[in-house]
Amino acid sequence: MSSPTPDEPDDAPRRSAEPEPEPATDLEPKSADPGPGAEPEPVVQSEPIAEPEPEPGPAPRRRRPTALGITVAIIVVALVAGLATLGWTTIGTDIVARRQVATLLDQTRDQWRTQPPDAVPETGEVVAILRSTRLGIEWPVLAGIATDQLHRGLGWYPQTSAPGQLGNTAIAGLRVTHGSPLRHLVDLVPGDLITLQTPTETFTYRVVAPPAQVDSGPSGAWVLDPVPGENRVPDQALLTLTTAADLVATQRRAVVFAELVTSR
């Protein structure tokens, strides 16, 4: 039998070969799993990093207006102002005038029912009410042809005959602005009827010479004669309507002649 060596005692237990533990691969410690009912740990959010504000650049240089730019601006302003004035003159005054005419007609009818008319009408007084289907108007006729009368209605030439009387009753009116009562005068044709109502009677005239057949000439004063175009004593009642021949200011006149057919 062999004897035990001094380095290995006889009673030493035999060591079994055990596997060595593998080295840990996680460098960060794992948190322990909280048990049921435990509150979760709050998550800490990191604050965003503020970006640096850009440095302000140099202030933009202000450009000085040029002479051309100033001229263009003046022209544009003038055009806008001109269009506004034209719109008010042609449309705005029509609206205002038609309202004023309606009021004046109501006042005139009330006055005619309660007060007898003056034998000689004063300037600006309503002497008649003119109606025309072709013209599409019912308009007051005032004594006088000044701007004030023509802005308020039609104007009767006081030196001519009174409505319905022998001779020539001449009446003028505006073709544009302030109601434009005679805008469609050039549309009248022979046979069209025009009535003049006075405080006591209503006179109906028939057109015998429309503007297309009348050339008033440079002055046109002859259209106001008792018998237009003839030097004689009148033997019938006539009506003459005059207005501008053009939509812009000129010396040309559009003229209509009519003769009395009935009165009542």
C-alpha atoms as a PDB file:
ATOM      1  CA  MET A   1       0.000   0.000   0.000  1.00  0.00           C
ATOM      2  CA  SER A   2       1.178   3.482  -0.709  1.00  0.00           C
ATOM      3  CA  SER A   3       1.272   5.952   2.157  1.00  0.00           C
ATOM      4  CA  PRO A   4      -0.281   9.395   2.006  1.00  0.00           C
ATOM      5  CA  THR A   5       1.940  12.233   1.127  1.00  0.00           C
ATOM      6  CA  PRO A   6       2.562  15.003   3.608  1.00  0.00           C
ATOM      7  CA  ASP A   7       0.806  17.571   1.399  1.00  0.00           C
ATOM      8  CA  GLU A   8      -2.363  15.585   1.215  1.00  0.00           C
ATOM      9  CA  PRO A   9      -3.558  14.349   4.553  1.00  0.00           C
ATOM     10  CA  ASP A  10      -5.444  11.233   4.669  1.00  0.00           C
ATOM     11  CA  ASP A  11      -8.539  12.679   6.248  1.00  0.00           C
ATOM     12  CA  ALA A  12      -8.878  15.696   3.902  1.00  0.00           C
ATOM     13  CA  PRO A  13     -12.172  15.617   2.111  1.00  0.00           C
ATOM     14  CA  ARG A  14     -12.082  15.443  -1.574  1.00  0.00           C
ATOM     15  CA  ARG A  15     -13.023  18.745  -3.342  1.00  0.00           C
ATOM     16  CA  SER A  16     -15.506  18.491  -6.115  1.00  0.00           C
ATOM     17  CA  ALA A  17     -14.875  20.547  -9.184  1.00  0.00           C
ATOM     18  CA  GLU A  18     -17.317  23.523  -9.110  1.00  0.00           C
ATOM     19  CA  PRO A  19     -17.884  25.847 -12.083  1.00  0.00           C
ATOM     20  CA  GLU A  20     -16.619  29.365 -11.640  1.00  0.00           C
ATOM     21  CA  PRO A  21     -19.225  32.151 -11.698  1.00  0.00           C
ATOM     22  CA  GLU A  22     -19.451  34.112 -14.974  1.00  0.00           C
ATOM     23  CA  PRO A  23     -18.454  37.757 -14.782  1.00  0.00           C
ATOM     24  CA  ALA A  24     -21.311  40.272 -14.671  1.00  0.00           C
ATOM     25  CA  THR A  25     -22.076  41.988 -17.981  1.00  0.00           C
ATOM     26  CA  ASP A  26     -24.298  44.858 -16.661  1.00  0.00           C
ATOM     27  CA  LEU A  27     -22.285  47.783 -15.536  1.00  0.00           C
ATOM     28  CA  GLU A  28     -25.300  49.574 -14.021  1.00  0.00           C
ATOM     29  CA  PRO A  29     -26.994  48.089 -11.018  1.00  0.00           C
ATOM     30  CA  LYS A  30     -30.531  46.970 -11.574  1.00  0.00           C
ATOM     31  CA  SER A  31     -33.127  48.458  -9.413  1.00  0.00           C
ATOM     32  CA  ALA A  32     -35.036  46.130  -7.299  1.00  0.00           C
ATOM     33  CA  ASP A  33     -38.507  45.212  -8.459  1.00  0.00           C
ATOM     34  CA  PRO A  34     -40.965  47.059  -6.275  1.00  0.00           C
ATOM     35  CA  GLY A  35     -43.526  44.873  -4.777  1.00  0.00           C
ATOM     36  CA  PRO A  36     -47.225  45.119  -5.336  1.00  0.00           C
ATOM     37  CA  GLY A  37     -48.778  48.321  -3.994  1.00  0.00           C
ATOM     38  CA  ALA A  38     -45.509  50.223  -4.078  1.00  0.00           C
ATOM     39  CA  GLU A  39     -45.529  53.725  -5.635  1.00  0.00           C
ATOM     40  CA  PRO A  40     -43.464  54.155  -8.819  1.00  0.00           C
ATOM     41  CA  GLU A  41     -40.469  56.313  -8.591  1.00  0.00           C
ATOM     42  CA  PRO A  42     -40.896  59.772 -10.199  1.00  0.00           C
ATOM     43  CA  VAL A  43     -39.262  60.303 -13.538  1.00  0.00           C
ATOM     44  CA  VAL A  44     -36.892  63.167 -13.530  1.00  0.00           C
ATOM     45  CA  GLN A  45     -37.020  65.184 -16.796  1.00  0.00           C
ATOM     46  CA  SER A  46     -34.040  67.063 -17.877  1.00  0.00           C
ATOM     47  CA  GLU A  47     -34.481  70.771 -18.661  1.00  0.00           C
ATOM     48  CA  PRO A  48     -34.111  71.783 -22.359  1.00  0.00           C
ATOM     49  CA  ILE A  49     -31.000  73.595 -23.196  1.00  0.00           C
ATOM     50  CA  ALA A  50     -31.765  77.175 -24.232  1.00  0.00           C
ATOM     51  CA  GLU A  51     -30.399  78.106 -27.609  1.00  0.00           C
ATOM     52  CA  PRO A  52     -28.527  81.346 -27.767  1.00  0.00           C
ATOM     53  CA  GLU A  53     -30.465  84.256 -29.336  1.00  0.00           C
ATOM     54  CA  PRO A  54     -29.125  85.443 -32.668  1.00  0.00           C
ATOM     55  CA  GLU A  55     -27.394  88.737 -32.581  1.00  0.00           C
ATOM     56  CA  PRO A  56     -29.406  91.576 -34.181  1.00  0.00           C
ATOM     57  CA  GLY A  57     -28.202  92.540 -37.603  1.00  0.00           C
ATOM     58  CA  PRO A  58     -27.721  96.058 -38.817  1.00  0.00           C
ATOM     59  CA  ALA A  59     -30.880  98.224 -39.097  1.00  0.00           C
ATOM     60  CA  PRO A  60     -32.285  98.406 -42.668  1.00  0.00           C
ATOM     61  CA  ARG A  61     -31.626 101.625 -44.458  1.00  0.00           C
ATOM     62  CA  ARG A  62     -34.729 103.717 -45.178  1.00  0.00           C
ATOM     63  CA  ARG A  63     -35.101 104.619 -48.818  1.00  0.00           C
ATOM     64  CA  ARG A  64     -35.954 108.194 -49.566  1.00  0.00           C
ATOM     65  CA  PRO A  65     -38.929 108.739 -51.885  1.00  0.00           C
ATOM     66  CA  THR A  66     -37.931 109.718 -55.361  1.00  0.00           C
ATOM     67  CA  ALA A  67     -39.471 112.507 -57.405  1.00  0.00           C
ATOM     68  CA  LEU A  68     -41.135 109.912 -59.638  1.00  0.00           C
ATOM     69  CA  GLY A  69     -42.655 108.115 -56.662  1.00  0.00           C
ATOM     70  CA  ILE A  70     -44.028 111.359 -55.244  1.00  0.00           C
ATOM     71  CA  THR A  71     -45.515 112.274 -58.619  1.00  0.00           C
ATOM     72  CA  VAL A  72     -47.207 108.890 -58.985  1.00  0.00           C
ATOM     73  CA  ALA A  73     -48.633 109.126 -55.457  1.00  0.00           C
ATOM     74  CA  ILE A  74     -50.061 112.583 -56.167  1.00  0.00           C
ATOM     75  CA  ILE A  75     -51.652 111.348 -59.394  1.00  0.00           C
ATOM     76  CA  VAL A  76     -53.234 108.347 -57.643  1.00  0.00           C
ATOM     77  CA  VAL A  77     -54.654 110.520 -54.855  1.00  0.00           C
ATOM     78  CA  ALA A  78     -56.018 112.987 -57.404  1.00  0.00           C
ATOM     79  CA  LEU A  79     -57.674 110.183 -59.393  1.00  0.00           C
ATOM     80  CA  VAL A  80     -59.293 108.696 -56.284  1.00  0.00           C
ATOM     81  CA  ALA A  81     -60.543 112.108 -55.190  1.00  0.00           C
ATOM     82  CA  GLY A  82     -61.858 112.820 -58.690  1.00  0.00           C
ATOM     83  CA  LEU A  83     -63.720 109.512 -58.889  1.00  0.00           C
ATOM     84  CA  ALA A  84     -65.233 110.079 -55.457  1.00  0.00           C
ATOM     85  CA  THR A  85     -66.395 113.554 -56.467  1.00  0.00           C
ATOM     86  CA  LEU A  86     -67.811 112.259 -59.755  1.00  0.00           C
ATOM     87  CA  GLY A  87     -69.648 109.457 -57.966  1.00  0.00           C
ATOM     88  CA  TRP A  88     -71.202 111.857 -55.477  1.00  0.00           C
ATOM     89  CA  THR A  89     -72.132 114.383 -58.186  1.00  0.00           C
ATOM     90  CA  THR A  90     -73.789 111.867 -60.498  1.00  0.00           C
ATOM     91  CA  ILE A  91     -75.230 109.372 -58.011  1.00  0.00           C
ATOM     92  CA  GLY A  92     -75.233 110.919 -54.561  1.00  0.00           C
ATOM     93  CA  THR A  93     -77.007 114.119 -55.576  1.00  0.00           C
ATOM     94  CA  ASP A  94     -79.626 112.093 -57.473  1.00  0.00           C
ATOM     95  CA  ILE A  95     -80.509 110.109 -54.361  1.00  0.00           C
ATOM     96  CA  VAL A  96     -80.737 113.200 -52.167  1.00  0.00           C
ATOM     97  CA  ALA A  97     -82.709 115.185 -54.774  1.00  0.00           C
ATOM     98  CA  ARG A  98     -85.312 112.460 -55.292  1.00  0.00           C
ATOM     99  CA  ARG A  99     -85.996 112.343 -51.556  1.00  0.00           C
ATOM    100  CA  GLN A 100     -86.314 116.122 -51.413  1.00  0.00           C
ATOM    101  CA  VAL A 101     -88.610 116.165 -54.455  1.00  0.00           C
ATOM    102  CA  ALA A 102     -90.938 113.605 -52.874  1.00  0.00           C
ATOM    103  CA  THR A 103     -91.187 115.776 -49.764  1.00  0.00           C
ATOM    104  CA  LEU A 104     -91.758 118.947 -51.802  1.00  0.00           C
ATOM    105  CA  LEU A 105     -94.545 117.287 -53.822  1.00  0.00           C
ATOM    106  CA  ASP A 106     -96.370 116.260 -50.638  1.00  0.00           C
ATOM    107  CA  GLN A 107     -96.026 119.758 -49.201  1.00  0.00           C
ATOM    108  CA  THR A 108     -97.239 121.327 -52.450  1.00  0.00           C
ATOM    109  CA  ARG A 109    -100.365 119.181 -52.660  1.00  0.00           C
ATOM    110  CA  ASP A 110    -101.224 119.953 -49.036  1.00  0.00           C
ATOM    111  CA  GLN A 111    -100.727 123.668 -49.646  1.00  0.00           C
ATOM    112  CA  TRP A 112    -102.841 123.657 -52.818  1.00  0.00           C
ATOM    113  CA  ARG A 113    -105.717 122.033 -50.914  1.00  0.00           C
ATOM    114  CA  THR A 114    -105.677 124.578 -48.100  1.00  0.00           C
ATOM    115  CA  GLN A 115    -104.422 127.849 -49.616  1.00  0.00           C
ATOM    116  CA  PRO A 116    -105.305 129.580 -52.903  1.00  0.00           C
ATOM    117  CA  PRO A 117    -102.287 130.112 -55.180  1.00  0.00           C
ATOM    118  CA  ASP A 118    -100.761 133.536 -55.731  1.00  0.00           C
ATOM    119  CA  ALA A 119    -101.738 135.294 -58.939  1.00  0.00           C
ATOM    120  CA  VAL A 120     -98.068 135.997 -59.629  1.00  0.00           C
ATOM    121  CA  PRO A 121     -95.848 133.198 -58.264  1.00  0.00           C
ATOM    122  CA  GLU A 122     -92.730 134.204 -56.404  1.00  0.00           C
ATOM    123  CA  THR A 123     -89.287 132.953 -57.384  1.00  0.00           C
ATOM    124  CA  GLY A 124     -88.797 129.419 -56.081  1.00  0.00           C
ATOM    125  CA  GLU A 125     -92.522 128.786 -55.666  1.00  0.00           C
ATOM    126  CA  VAL A 126     -93.993 125.627 -57.211  1.00  0.00           C
ATOM    127  CA  VAL A 127     -96.207 126.608 -60.159  1.00  0.00           C
ATOM    128  CA  ALA A 128     -96.975 123.137 -61.540  1.00  0.00           C
ATOM    129  CA  ILE A 129     -96.224 119.416 -61.321  1.00  0.00           C
ATOM    130  CA  LEU A 130     -94.944 117.797 -64.535  1.00  0.00           C
ATOM    131  CA  ARG A 131     -95.606 114.142 -65.317  1.00  0.00           C
ATOM    132  CA  SER A 132     -94.342 112.047 -68.207  1.00  0.00           C
ATOM    133  CA  THR A 133     -94.457 108.309 -68.695  1.00  0.00           C
ATOM    134  CA  ARG A 134     -91.656 108.395 -71.253  1.00  0.00           C
ATOM    135  CA  LEU A 135     -89.448 110.473 -68.976  1.00  0.00           C
ATOM    136  CA  GLY A 136     -90.449 108.411 -65.961  1.00  0.00           C
ATOM    137  CA  ILE A 137     -90.849 111.413 -63.670  1.00  0.00           C
ATOM    138  CA  GLU A 138     -93.319 113.341 -61.547  1.00  0.00           C
ATOM    139  CA  TRP A 139     -91.408 116.532 -60.830  1.00  0.00           C
ATOM    140  CA  PRO A 140     -92.190 119.975 -59.377  1.00  0.00           C
ATOM    141  CA  VAL A 141     -91.858 123.021 -61.627  1.00  0.00           C
ATOM    142  CA  LEU A 142     -90.540 126.067 -59.782  1.00  0.00           C
ATOM    143  CA  ALA A 143     -90.627 129.698 -60.830  1.00  0.00           C
ATOM    144  CA  GLY A 144     -87.133 130.668 -61.971  1.00  0.00           C
ATOM    145  CA  ILE A 145     -84.230 128.912 -63.647  1.00  0.00           C
ATOM    146  CA  ALA A 146     -81.419 129.731 -61.224  1.00  0.00           C
ATOM    147  CA  THR A 147     -79.207 127.014 -59.762  1.00  0.00           C
ATOM    148  CA  ASP A 148     -81.298 126.804 -56.597  1.00  0.00           C
ATOM    149  CA  GLN A 149     -84.494 126.113 -58.553  1.00  0.00           C
ATOM    150  CA  LEU A 150     -82.875 123.580 -60.895  1.00  0.00           C
ATOM    151  CA  HIS A 151     -81.398 121.688 -57.931  1.00  0.00           C
ATOM    152  CA  ARG A 152     -84.857 121.418 -56.356  1.00  0.00           C
ATOM    153  CA  GLY A 153     -86.936 120.739 -59.465  1.00  0.00           C
ATOM    154  CA  LEU A 154     -87.618 121.949 -62.996  1.00  0.00           C
ATOM    155  CA  GLY A 155     -87.430 125.659 -63.744  1.00  0.00           C
ATOM    156  CA  TRP A 156     -90.118 127.733 -65.459  1.00  0.00           C
ATOM    157  CA  TYR A 157     -88.964 130.760 -67.454  1.00  0.00           C
ATOM    158  CA  PRO A 158     -91.071 133.561 -65.882  1.00  0.00           C
ATOM    159  CA  GLN A 159     -90.977 135.630 -69.081  1.00  0.00           C
ATOM    160  CA  THR A 160     -92.892 132.905 -70.936  1.00  0.00           C
ATOM    161  CA  SER A 161     -96.587 131.995 -70.697  1.00  0.00           C
ATOM    162  CA  ALA A 162     -98.017 130.343 -67.608  1.00  0.00           C
ATOM    163  CA  PRO A 163     -98.978 126.664 -67.923  1.00  0.00           C
ATOM    164  CA  GLY A 164    -102.080 126.176 -70.073  1.00  0.00           C
ATOM    165  CA  GLN A 165    -102.160 129.737 -71.371  1.00  0.00           C
ATOM    166  CA  LEU A 166    -101.857 130.916 -74.975  1.00  0.00           C
ATOM    167  CA  GLY A 167     -98.275 131.187 -76.054  1.00  0.00           C
ATOM    168  CA  ASN A 168     -95.194 129.235 -75.127  1.00  0.00           C
ATOM    169  CA  THR A 169     -94.653 127.756 -71.662  1.00  0.00           C
ATOM    170  CA  ALA A 170     -90.904 127.118 -71.469  1.00  0.00           C
ATOM    171  CA  ILE A 171     -89.423 124.837 -68.822  1.00  0.00           C
ATOM    172  CA  ALA A 172     -85.752 123.893 -68.262  1.00  0.00           C
ATOM    173  CA  GLY A 173     -84.223 121.042 -66.297  1.00  0.00           C
ATOM    174  CA  LEU A 174     -81.025 119.152 -65.587  1.00  0.00           C
ATOM    175  CA  ARG A 175     -80.107 116.093 -67.590  1.00  0.00           C
ATOM    176  CA  VAL A 176     -77.577 114.830 -65.041  1.00  0.00           C
ATOM    177  CA  THR A 177     -77.121 115.358 -61.281  1.00  0.00           C
ATOM    178  CA  HIS A 178     -79.685 116.463 -58.689  1.00  0.00           C
ATOM    179  CA  GLY A 179     -82.278 113.919 -59.720  1.00  0.00           C
ATOM    180  CA  SER A 180     -81.541 114.086 -63.483  1.00  0.00           C
ATOM    181  CA  PRO A 181     -85.215 114.768 -64.296  1.00  0.00           C
ATOM    182  CA  LEU A 182     -84.665 115.311 -68.049  1.00  0.00           C
ATOM    183  CA  ARG A 183     -82.072 112.573 -68.556  1.00  0.00           C
ATOM    184  CA  HIS A 184     -84.346 110.839 -71.105  1.00  0.00           C
ATOM    185  CA  LEU A 185     -85.607 113.942 -72.901  1.00  0.00           C
ATOM    186  CA  VAL A 186     -83.845 112.866 -76.091  1.00  0.00           C
ATOM    187  CA  ASP A 187     -85.942 109.661 -76.037  1.00  0.00           C
ATOM    188  CA  LEU A 188     -89.232 111.509 -76.571  1.00  0.00           C
ATOM    189  CA  VAL A 189     -91.003 110.859 -79.868  1.00  0.00           C
ATOM    190  CA  PRO A 190     -93.949 112.551 -81.585  1.00  0.00           C
ATOM    191  CA  GLY A 191     -97.220 111.647 -79.878  1.00  0.00           C
ATOM    192  CA  ASP A 192     -95.784 111.261 -76.352  1.00  0.00           C
ATOM    193  CA  LEU A 193     -97.936 112.971 -73.719  1.00  0.00           C
ATOM    194  CA  ILE A 194     -96.774 115.388 -71.004  1.00  0.00           C
ATOM    195  CA  THR A 195     -99.067 116.760 -68.295  1.00  0.00           C
ATOM    196  CA  LEU A 196     -98.778 119.911 -66.200  1.00  0.00           C
ATOM    197  CA  GLN A 197    -100.874 119.995 -63.051  1.00  0.00           C
ATOM    198  CA  THR A 198    -101.534 123.404 -61.496  1.00  0.00           C
ATOM    199  CA  PRO A 199    -103.491 124.208 -58.328  1.00  0.00           C
ATOM    200  CA  THR A 200    -106.687 124.548 -60.378  1.00  0.00           C
ATOM    201  CA  GLU A 201    -106.282 122.568 -63.635  1.00  0.00           C
ATOM    202  CA  THR A 202    -104.393 119.792 -65.367  1.00  0.00           C
ATOM    203  CA  PHE A 203    -103.110 120.370 -68.905  1.00  0.00           C
ATOM    204  CA  THR A 204    -102.054 117.616 -71.306  1.00  0.00           C
ATOM    205  CA  TYR A 205     -99.601 118.309 -74.136  1.00  0.00           C
ATOM    206  CA  ARG A 206     -98.638 116.124 -77.093  1.00  0.00           C
ATOM    207  CA  VAL A 207     -95.072 116.131 -78.429  1.00  0.00           C
ATOM    208  CA  VAL A 208     -94.929 117.458 -81.986  1.00  0.00           C
ATOM    209  CA  ALA A 209     -91.169 118.009 -82.407  1.00  0.00           C
ATOM    210  CA  PRO A 210     -88.693 115.834 -80.452  1.00  0.00           C
ATOM    211  CA  PRO A 211     -85.031 116.776 -79.956  1.00  0.00           C
ATOM    212  CA  ALA A 212     -83.997 114.800 -83.021  1.00  0.00           C
ATOM    213  CA  GLN A 213     -85.948 117.274 -85.154  1.00  0.00           C
ATOM    214  CA  VAL A 214     -84.906 120.512 -83.422  1.00  0.00           C
ATOM    215  CA  ASP A 215     -81.592 122.322 -83.809  1.00  0.00           C
ATOM    216  CA  SER A 216     -81.547 125.162 -81.319  1.00  0.00           C
ATOM    217  CA  GLY A 217     -78.400 126.701 -82.788  1.00  0.00           C
ATOM    218  CA  PRO A 218     -75.577 128.451 -80.919  1.00  0.00           C
ATOM    219  CA  SER A 219     -77.754 130.697 -78.747  1.00  0.00           C
ATOM    220  CA  GLY A 220     -81.093 128.887 -78.767  1.00  0.00           C
ATOM    221  CA  ALA A 221     -82.938 131.967 -77.496  1.00  0.00           C
ATOM    222  CA  TRP A 222     -85.587 131.645 -80.205  1.00  0.00           C
ATOM    223  CA  VAL A 223     -87.049 128.530 -78.553  1.00  0.00           C
ATOM    224  CA  LEU A 224     -88.463 130.818 -75.843  1.00  0.00           C
ATOM    225  CA  ASP A 225     -90.460 132.965 -78.288  1.00  0.00           C
ATOM    226  CA  PRO A 226     -94.279 132.947 -78.007  1.00  0.00           C
ATOM    227  CA  VAL A 227     -94.318 130.961 -81.253  1.00  0.00           C
ATOM    228  CA  PRO A 228     -90.848 129.362 -81.548  1.00  0.00           C
ATOM    229  CA  GLY A 229     -89.315 130.068 -84.929  1.00  0.00           C
ATOM    230  CA  GLU A 230     -92.124 132.390 -86.034  1.00  0.00           C
ATOM    231  CA  ASN A 231     -92.642 136.090 -85.472  1.00  0.00           C
ATOM    232  CA  ARG A 232     -96.385 136.169 -84.910  1.00  0.00           C
ATOM    233  CA  VAL A 233     -99.059 136.313 -82.254  1.00  0.00           C
ATOM    234  CA  PRO A 234     -99.704 132.866 -80.698  1.00  0.00           C
ATOM    235  CA  ASP A 235    -103.078 131.250 -81.241  1.00  0.00           C
ATOM    236  CA  GLN A 236    -102.527 128.088 -79.193  1.00  0.00           C
ATOM    237  CA  ALA A 237    -100.862 126.930 -75.995  1.00  0.00           C
ATOM    238  CA  LEU A 238     -97.437 125.400 -76.472  1.00  0.00           C
ATOM    239  CA  LEU A 239     -94.909 123.716 -74.205  1.00  0.00           C
ATOM    240  CA  THR A 240     -91.130 123.798 -74.631  1.00  0.00           C
ATOM    241  CA  LEU A 241     -88.722 121.650 -72.628  1.00  0.00           C
ATOM    242  CA  THR A 242     -84.979 122.298 -72.735  1.00  0.00           C
ATOM    243  CA  THR A 243     -81.945 120.556 -71.253  1.00  0.00           C
ATOM    244  CA  ALA A 244     -78.300 119.855 -72.036  1.00  0.00           C
ATOM    245  CA  ALA A 245     -77.768 117.968 -75.272  1.00  0.00           C
ATOM    246  CA  ASP A 246     -74.677 116.239 -73.885  1.00  0.00           C
ATOM    247  CA  LEU A 247     -73.901 114.491 -70.631  1.00  0.00           C
ATOM    248  CA  VAL A 248     -70.992 116.895 -70.115  1.00  0.00           C
ATOM    249  CA  ALA A 249     -71.171 120.680 -69.954  1.00  0.00           C
ATOM    250  CA  THR A 250     -71.530 122.182 -73.453  1.00  0.00           C
ATOM    251  CA  GLN A 251     -73.500 125.003 -75.080  1.00  0.00           C
ATOM    252  CA  ARG A 252     -75.668 122.587 -77.073  1.00  0.00           C
ATOM    253  CA  ARG A 253     -79.276 122.185 -76.000  1.00  0.00           C
ATOM    254  CA  ALA A 254     -81.852 119.443 -76.519  1.00  0.00           C
ATOM    255  CA  VAL A 255     -85.316 120.933 -77.159  1.00  0.00           C
ATOM    256  CA  VAL A 256     -88.827 119.450 -77.282  1.00  0.00           C
ATOM    257  CA  PHE A 257     -91.933 121.213 -78.593  1.00  0.00           C
ATOM    258  CA  ALA A 258     -95.428 120.088 -77.596  1.00  0.00           C
ATOM    259  CA  GLU A 259     -98.936 121.504 -78.066  1.00  0.00           C
ATOM    260  CA  LEU A 260    -101.900 121.515 -75.701  1.00  0.00           C
ATOM    261  CA  VAL A 261    -104.556 118.888 -76.469  1.00  0.00           C
ATOM    262  CA  THR A 262    -106.752 118.753 -73.357  1.00  0.00           C
ATOM    263  CA  SER A 263    -107.340 120.578 -70.096  1.00  0.00           C
ATOM    264  CA  ARG A 264    -109.529 119.698 -67.144  1.00  0.00           C
END
